[in-house]
Amino acid sequence: MSQSARDQRIGDTILDLKNISLAFGGVKALTDISFDVRAHEIRAIIGPNGAGKSSMLNVINGVYTPQNGEITLAGVKFSQMNSRRAAEMGIARTFQNLALFKGMSVLDNIMTGRNLRMTSGILAQAFRFGSAEREEIANREFVENIIDFLEIQAHRKTPVGRLPYGLQKRVDLGRALAMEPRILLLDEPMAGMNIEEKQDMSRFILDVNEEYGTTIVLIEHDMGVVMDISDRVVVLDYGKKIGDGDPNQVRQNPEVIRAYLGASH
């Protein structure tokens, strides 16, 4: 999809963070940070190690509660979010350090992402009574479509722990997609990957955004990837926002160059 076509798809603000401050004891992780995310865009958060990027994702999906600030999600304002509410409102997350069930198959790992969508009780699920059986069949069909989408059909019954790292990252993405998120938070989706794996993951992120219409917020250290796939980029340094705009604006921002990109760039 061309950039102009992508621009036309991007909608109004779906997530708005205002004056977010977060501290642990006397250590300030985030200081008075404000930025927004528009529907259907790919929004990158970049910055050096320790800049507060993962802390910001943890604020968005309710793992951390900021001391100050306000979050507005789909028009609803929160002074604090919690993880379950975030999930119920359509926020899903992948993690920098994979939190997969290594002994379980690819299929079963991705099925765990359907838990919030299941309405039947645990007993009914265990014995597969009437509606529970129908529900499980429908959910498995949904998961099989994700497996096809991510091109991991050949591994669907393989224990995740046996897969190469790049494929494990793809399974982690699949589990998040199984939640049918309106906003997908990706914490360093390319970390530890070789060039070919990064190209594959970039393609899947773009496809998720275009085919599912999912809004994506990602943290990523590979600047080439960030500049290629992002619609807008927010830059953090020592817990403060030092840049915000489209990739070209960020690339040319003197403060960003000094703090992150290095003068040679």
Protein backbone atom coordinates (compact mmCIF):
# COMPACT_ATOMS: atom_id res chain seq x y z
CA MET A 1 0.00 0.00 0.00
CA SER A 2 1.37 3.44 -0.94
CA GLN A 3 1.97 6.07 1.73
CA SER A 4 -0.85 8.24 0.36
CA ALA A 5 -3.26 5.29 0.56
CA ARG A 6 -2.07 4.60 4.10
CA ASP A 7 -2.62 8.24 5.05
CA GLN A 8 -6.21 8.04 3.78
CA ARG A 9 -6.87 4.97 5.96
CA ILE A 10 -5.66 6.60 9.17
CA GLY A 11 -8.56 7.82 11.28
CA ASP A 12 -9.17 9.96 14.33
CA THR A 13 -7.36 9.68 17.64
CA ILE A 14 -8.12 6.36 19.35
CA LEU A 15 -5.64 6.65 22.24
CA ASP A 16 -4.59 9.90 23.89
CA LEU A 17 -2.00 10.13 26.66
CA LYS A 18 -1.75 13.44 28.49
CA ASN A 19 0.96 14.51 30.95
CA ILE A 20 1.92 10.98 31.96
CA SER A 21 4.45 10.84 34.81
CA LEU A 22 5.66 7.62 36.43
CA ALA A 23 8.21 7.16 39.20
CA PHE A 24 9.52 4.22 41.18
CA GLY A 25 10.59 5.56 44.53
CA GLY A 26 12.77 8.54 43.69
CA VAL A 27 13.53 7.35 40.16
CA LYS A 28 11.54 9.08 37.43
CA ALA A 29 10.73 6.66 34.58
CA LEU A 30 8.42 9.04 32.66
CA THR A 31 8.06 12.81 33.04
CA ASP A 32 5.05 14.73 31.73
CA ILE A 33 4.72 12.82 28.44
CA SER A 34 1.86 13.49 26.04
CA PHE A 35 1.18 11.94 22.63
CA ASP A 36 -1.70 10.38 20.75
CA VAL A 37 -2.30 7.36 18.53
CA ARG A 38 -4.66 7.47 15.55
CA ALA A 39 -6.86 4.62 14.41
CA HIS A 40 -5.19 2.29 11.88
CA GLU A 41 -1.74 3.86 12.11
CA ILE A 42 1.61 2.32 13.00
CA ARG A 43 3.01 4.46 15.81
CA ALA A 44 6.61 3.84 16.87
CA ILE A 45 8.20 4.70 20.21
CA ILE A 46 11.98 4.96 20.03
CA GLY A 47 14.83 6.06 22.26
CA PRO A 48 18.04 4.81 23.89
CA ASN A 49 18.05 2.07 26.51
CA GLY A 50 16.48 3.34 29.71
CA ALA A 51 14.46 6.01 27.89
CA GLY A 52 11.16 4.75 29.33
CA LYS A 53 9.73 3.01 26.26
CA SER A 54 8.62 -0.25 27.92
CA SER A 55 7.35 1.73 30.93
CA MET A 56 5.11 3.65 28.54
CA LEU A 57 3.69 0.43 27.06
CA ASN A 58 3.11 -0.82 30.62
CA VAL A 59 1.14 2.35 31.38
CA ILE A 60 -0.98 1.92 28.24
CA ASN A 61 -1.97 -1.67 29.03
CA GLY A 62 -2.44 -1.14 32.76
CA VAL A 63 0.60 -2.92 34.20
CA TYR A 64 1.84 0.36 35.71
CA THR A 65 -0.33 3.13 37.17
CA PRO A 66 1.14 6.60 36.57
CA GLN A 67 1.25 9.06 39.46
CA ASN A 68 0.04 11.83 37.14
CA GLY A 69 -1.69 12.06 33.81
CA GLU A 70 -4.74 10.86 31.97
CA ILE A 71 -5.42 8.17 29.38
CA THR A 72 -8.30 8.44 26.93
CA LEU A 73 -9.09 5.24 25.02
CA ALA A 74 -11.83 5.30 22.39
CA GLY A 75 -13.36 8.39 24.03
CA VAL A 76 -13.32 6.97 27.60
CA LYS A 77 -11.04 8.74 30.11
CA PHE A 78 -9.06 6.89 32.77
CA SER A 79 -6.82 8.19 35.53
CA GLN A 80 -5.61 4.61 35.77
CA MET A 81 -5.95 1.49 33.66
CA ASN A 82 -5.70 -2.15 34.72
CA SER A 83 -4.60 -5.06 32.58
CA ARG A 84 -7.95 -6.82 32.39
CA ARG A 85 -9.84 -3.65 31.51
CA ALA A 86 -7.24 -2.86 28.85
CA ALA A 87 -7.67 -6.33 27.35
CA GLU A 88 -11.47 -6.06 27.44
CA MET A 89 -11.24 -2.70 25.67
CA GLY A 90 -9.15 -4.23 22.90
CA ILE A 91 -5.50 -3.73 23.83
CA ALA A 92 -3.19 -6.72 23.25
CA ARG A 93 0.55 -6.93 23.89
CA THR A 94 3.59 -8.91 22.88
CA PHE A 95 6.67 -8.94 25.08
CA GLN A 96 10.37 -8.37 24.52
CA ASN A 97 11.11 -11.54 26.50
CA LEU A 98 8.82 -14.23 25.13
CA ALA A 99 6.21 -15.42 27.64
CA LEU A 100 5.04 -18.44 25.65
CA PHE A 101 4.18 -21.89 27.02
CA LYS A 102 7.23 -23.71 25.66
CA GLY A 103 5.86 -27.23 26.16
CA MET A 104 2.55 -26.49 24.44
CA SER A 105 1.94 -26.58 20.70
CA VAL A 106 1.76 -23.54 18.45
CA LEU A 107 -2.01 -24.05 18.13
CA ASP A 108 -2.57 -24.27 21.89
CA ASN A 109 -0.39 -21.23 22.59
CA ILE A 110 -2.38 -19.10 20.16
CA MET A 111 -5.65 -20.53 21.57
CA THR A 112 -4.79 -18.99 24.96
CA GLY A 113 -5.36 -15.63 23.31
CA ARG A 114 -9.04 -16.55 22.87
CA ASN A 115 -9.76 -16.85 26.62
CA LEU A 116 -11.47 -13.46 26.87
CA ARG A 117 -13.68 -14.39 23.92
CA MET A 118 -14.96 -17.61 25.52
CA THR A 119 -18.28 -17.34 27.35
CA SER A 120 -18.78 -20.93 28.54
CA GLY A 121 -17.59 -21.97 32.01
CA ILE A 122 -14.49 -24.00 32.77
CA LEU A 123 -16.52 -27.17 33.52
CA ALA A 124 -18.44 -26.91 30.26
CA GLN A 125 -15.18 -26.35 28.38
CA ALA A 126 -13.55 -29.36 30.07
CA PHE A 127 -16.40 -31.71 29.16
CA ARG A 128 -17.21 -29.91 25.90
CA PHE A 129 -20.96 -29.66 26.57
CA GLY A 130 -23.18 -28.44 23.70
CA SER A 131 -22.54 -24.71 23.35
CA ALA A 132 -18.99 -25.06 24.77
CA GLU A 133 -18.10 -27.52 22.01
CA ARG A 134 -19.53 -25.21 19.34
CA GLU A 135 -17.65 -22.29 20.87
CA GLU A 136 -14.35 -24.19 20.89
CA ILE A 137 -14.79 -25.23 17.24
CA ALA A 138 -15.42 -21.60 16.25
CA ASN A 139 -12.40 -20.39 18.23
CA ARG A 140 -10.15 -23.08 16.76
CA GLU A 141 -11.25 -22.06 13.28
CA PHE A 142 -10.35 -18.44 14.10
CA VAL A 143 -6.92 -19.54 15.37
CA GLU A 144 -6.30 -21.72 12.31
CA ASN A 145 -6.89 -18.65 10.14
CA ILE A 146 -4.23 -16.77 12.13
CA ILE A 147 -1.83 -19.70 11.71
CA ASP A 148 -2.41 -19.56 7.95
CA PHE A 149 -2.00 -15.78 7.94
CA LEU A 150 1.37 -16.03 9.75
CA GLU A 151 2.49 -18.90 7.50
CA ILE A 152 3.23 -21.33 10.36
CA GLN A 153 0.90 -24.15 9.24
CA ALA A 154 3.76 -26.66 9.17
CA HIS A 155 4.41 -26.05 12.87
CA ARG A 156 0.86 -25.93 14.24
CA LYS A 157 1.32 -29.07 16.42
CA THR A 158 4.99 -28.48 17.27
CA PRO A 159 5.88 -27.56 20.88
CA VAL A 160 6.85 -23.89 20.77
CA GLY A 161 10.12 -24.54 22.63
CA ARG A 162 11.41 -26.49 19.63
CA LEU A 163 10.94 -23.64 17.17
CA PRO A 164 13.63 -21.17 16.05
CA TYR A 165 13.48 -17.81 17.83
CA GLY A 166 12.03 -15.96 14.83
CA LEU A 167 9.10 -18.38 14.61
CA GLN A 168 8.50 -18.14 18.37
CA LYS A 169 8.16 -14.37 17.90
CA ARG A 170 5.58 -15.07 15.19
CA VAL A 171 3.63 -17.31 17.58
CA ASP A 172 3.70 -14.53 20.18
CA LEU A 173 2.24 -12.19 17.56
CA GLY A 174 -0.40 -14.80 16.72
CA ARG A 175 -1.47 -15.13 20.35
CA ALA A 176 -1.93 -11.34 20.55
CA LEU A 177 -3.93 -11.34 17.29
CA ALA A 178 -6.18 -14.06 18.70
CA MET A 179 -7.52 -11.44 21.12
CA GLU A 180 -8.85 -9.46 18.10
CA PRO A 181 -7.26 -6.26 19.39
CA ARG A 182 -8.12 -2.79 18.17
CA ILE A 183 -4.68 -1.68 19.46
CA LEU A 184 -1.66 -4.00 19.32
CA LEU A 185 1.38 -3.14 21.45
CA LEU A 186 4.62 -4.68 20.16
CA ASP A 187 7.64 -4.56 22.49
CA GLU A 188 10.77 -4.93 20.32
CA PRO A 189 9.25 -7.43 17.84
CA MET A 190 12.55 -7.66 15.91
CA ALA A 191 14.89 -8.12 18.89
CA GLY A 192 17.38 -10.94 18.37
CA MET A 193 16.35 -11.57 14.76
CA ASN A 194 18.54 -11.91 11.69
CA ILE A 195 17.91 -9.79 8.59
CA GLU A 196 15.60 -12.32 6.91
CA GLU A 197 13.52 -12.77 10.08
CA LYS A 198 13.24 -8.98 10.45
CA GLN A 199 12.01 -8.68 6.87
CA ASP A 200 9.37 -11.34 7.51
CA MET A 201 8.21 -9.72 10.75
CA SER A 202 8.05 -6.27 9.11
CA ARG A 203 5.85 -7.73 6.38
CA PHE A 204 3.52 -9.36 8.92
CA ILE A 205 3.24 -6.13 10.94
CA LEU A 206 2.29 -4.22 7.79
CA ASP A 207 -0.17 -6.97 6.80
CA VAL A 208 -1.80 -6.95 10.26
CA ASN A 209 -2.19 -3.20 9.99
CA GLU A 210 -3.58 -3.29 6.44
CA GLU A 211 -5.66 -6.49 6.38
CA TYR A 212 -6.98 -6.52 9.94
CA GLY A 213 -7.08 -2.73 10.24
CA THR A 214 -5.30 -3.02 13.60
CA THR A 215 -3.73 0.06 15.17
CA ILE A 216 -0.14 -0.73 16.14
CA VAL A 217 2.15 0.85 18.72
CA LEU A 218 5.65 -0.58 18.63
CA ILE A 219 8.99 -0.19 20.35
CA GLU A 220 11.90 -1.01 18.10
CA HIS A 221 15.66 -0.33 18.10
CA ASP A 222 16.23 -1.06 14.40
CA MET A 223 15.96 2.43 12.96
CA GLY A 224 15.73 1.14 9.39
CA VAL A 225 12.61 -0.83 10.31
CA VAL A 226 11.10 2.08 12.24
CA MET A 227 11.58 4.53 9.39
CA ASP A 228 10.26 2.06 6.80
CA ILE A 229 7.02 0.93 8.44
CA SER A 230 5.94 3.69 10.85
CA ASP A 231 3.44 6.45 10.11
CA ARG A 232 4.55 8.54 13.09
CA VAL A 233 7.35 8.27 15.65
CA VAL A 234 7.59 9.56 19.23
CA VAL A 235 11.09 9.80 20.72
CA LEU A 236 11.88 9.42 24.43
CA ASP A 237 15.14 10.13 26.21
CA TYR A 238 15.62 9.75 29.97
CA GLY A 239 11.86 9.51 30.41
CA LYS A 240 11.10 12.74 28.54
CA LYS A 241 9.66 13.31 25.07
CA ILE A 242 12.20 14.97 22.78
CA GLY A 243 10.61 14.41 19.37
CA ASP A 244 7.31 13.56 17.69
CA GLY A 245 6.29 13.47 14.05
CA ASP A 246 6.53 11.51 10.83
CA PRO A 247 9.77 9.58 10.16
CA ASN A 248 11.29 12.38 8.08
CA GLN A 249 10.61 15.01 10.74
CA VAL A 250 12.11 12.81 13.45
CA ARG A 251 15.11 11.93 11.30
CA GLN A 252 15.91 15.64 10.88
CA ASN A 253 15.24 16.70 14.49
CA PRO A 254 18.58 17.96 15.92
CA GLU A 255 17.74 16.89 19.47
CA VAL A 256 16.87 13.39 18.29
CA ILE A 257 20.08 13.19 16.26
CA ARG A 258 22.14 14.13 19.31
CA ALA A 259 20.33 11.83 21.75
CA TYR A 260 19.67 8.78 19.65
CA LEU A 261 20.75 8.65 16.05
CA GLY A 262 24.28 10.02 16.52
CA ALA A 263 25.81 12.93 14.60
CA SER A 264 27.03 10.66 11.76
CA HIS A 265 23.41 9.97 10.76
